[in-house]
Structure formats: structure tokens, C-alpha cells
Amino acid sequence: MTAQAIIILLIVGGIAGWLAGLIVTGGGFGLIGNIVVGIVGAVIAGWLLPRIGLYIGGDIIGDIINALIGAIILLVIIMLVRRAT
């Protein structure tokens, strides 16, 4: 992975985390925490979505949508685990 790809992943993940924090109310971790969740969600979505056959095309918008899906999934899972404990 090049330095440019890592920077794009961080930016896309940050945007996705911020949006996921707005969508999933009550499960957020504040701005910085949601950005971190978005970055991790982008990695998860980049791995998971092609394996289940979900391809969202496009340039940066498609990447943000993929990362947003991963961040929402991650936030919901974290929220469910926090409620269970």
C-alpha cells in the first residue's frame, strides 16, 4: 500500500466515521472516536463487502459509501456489545 493510498483511506474513513456517528445515534464515541471507527470500518468494508458480492462502483463516493457501511456495521456491533455488558 502506498502512502497516497493510506492517506486516502484515512480521509475516507474519517468522513465515513463522522457520517456513521450522525446516523447511528446513541452509539457514537465523539468525533475522534467516530473517525477511528470509520477508519476501521473502511478496512472491514474493504475486506467484507467484496466477499459477500456487494460492489459499489464509483471513485471516492463509492469508497465513502463502502466505508460508511462498514462503520455503521461496526458501530452497531459495538453498541450491542456495550449494552450486553
Protein backbone atom coordinates (compact mmCIF):
# COMPACT_ATOMS: atom_id res chain seq x y z
CA MET A 1 0.00 0.00 0.00
CA THR A 2 1.42 3.35 -0.99
CA ALA A 3 1.49 6.46 1.17
CA GLN A 4 -1.15 8.05 -1.04
CA ALA A 5 -3.48 5.07 -0.57
CA ILE A 6 -3.06 5.23 3.20
CA ILE A 7 -3.83 8.96 3.25
CA ILE A 8 -6.95 8.39 1.12
CA LEU A 9 -8.02 5.56 3.44
CA LEU A 10 -7.65 7.86 6.45
CA ILE A 11 -9.65 10.66 4.82
CA VAL A 12 -12.40 8.36 3.54
CA GLY A 13 -12.55 6.55 6.89
CA GLY A 14 -12.74 9.85 8.74
CA ILE A 15 -15.64 11.07 6.63
CA ALA A 16 -17.41 7.72 6.95
CA GLY A 17 -16.93 7.65 10.71
CA TRP A 18 -18.31 11.14 11.09
CA LEU A 19 -21.36 10.26 8.96
CA ALA A 20 -21.87 6.97 10.80
CA GLY A 21 -21.84 8.83 14.09
CA LEU A 22 -24.62 11.04 12.79
CA ILE A 23 -26.66 8.06 11.52
CA VAL A 24 -26.23 5.71 14.49
CA THR A 25 -27.39 7.90 17.34
CA GLY A 26 -26.50 6.87 20.84
CA GLY A 27 -23.65 4.64 19.72
CA GLY A 28 -21.02 7.20 18.98
CA PHE A 29 -17.71 7.84 20.68
CA GLY A 30 -17.38 11.54 19.97
CA LEU A 31 -15.78 13.00 16.88
CA ILE A 32 -12.32 11.44 17.23
CA GLY A 33 -13.70 8.05 18.26
CA ASN A 34 -16.11 8.01 15.34
CA ILE A 35 -13.30 8.86 12.93
CA VAL A 36 -11.28 5.92 14.28
CA VAL A 37 -14.36 3.68 13.96
CA GLY A 38 -14.77 4.94 10.38
CA ILE A 39 -11.19 4.05 9.51
CA VAL A 40 -11.58 0.57 10.99
CA GLY A 41 -14.96 0.30 9.27
CA ALA A 42 -13.36 1.20 5.95
CA VAL A 43 -10.88 -1.63 6.37
CA ILE A 44 -13.65 -4.05 7.37
CA ALA A 45 -15.83 -2.99 4.44
CA GLY A 46 -12.91 -3.26 2.02
CA TRP A 47 -12.44 -6.85 3.13
CA LEU A 48 -16.04 -7.96 3.76
CA LEU A 49 -18.16 -6.41 1.03
CA PRO A 50 -16.39 -7.97 -1.98
CA ARG A 51 -16.57 -11.37 -0.29
CA ILE A 52 -20.35 -11.20 0.02
CA GLY A 53 -20.69 -9.97 -3.56
CA LEU A 54 -21.59 -6.34 -2.85
CA TYR A 55 -19.80 -3.98 -5.23
CA ILE A 56 -20.45 -0.27 -5.10
CA GLY A 57 -18.74 1.36 -8.02
CA GLY A 58 -17.50 4.87 -8.42
CA ASP A 59 -14.48 6.77 -7.36
CA ILE A 60 -14.28 8.43 -3.99
CA ILE A 61 -18.06 8.47 -3.46
CA GLY A 62 -18.22 4.67 -3.77
CA ASP A 63 -15.33 4.34 -1.35
CA ILE A 64 -17.06 6.61 1.16
CA ILE A 65 -20.29 4.59 0.85
CA ASN A 66 -18.39 1.34 1.37
CA ALA A 67 -16.58 2.76 4.40
CA LEU A 68 -19.86 4.17 5.73
CA ILE A 69 -21.46 0.72 5.53
CA GLY A 70 -18.51 -0.79 7.39
CA ALA A 71 -18.52 1.96 10.02
CA ILE A 72 -22.27 1.60 10.62
CA ILE A 73 -21.89 -2.17 10.98
CA LEU A 74 -19.02 -1.68 13.43
CA LEU A 75 -20.87 0.97 15.46
CA VAL A 76 -23.97 -1.23 15.73
CA ILE A 77 -21.87 -4.22 16.86
CA ILE A 78 -20.03 -2.10 19.44
CA MET A 79 -23.32 -0.64 20.66
CA LEU A 80 -24.81 -4.12 21.06
CA VAL A 81 -21.76 -5.37 22.95
CA ARG A 82 -21.80 -2.34 25.26
CA ARG A 83 -25.47 -2.92 26.05
CA ALA A 84 -24.88 -6.62 26.77
CA THR A 85 -22.31 -5.85 29.46
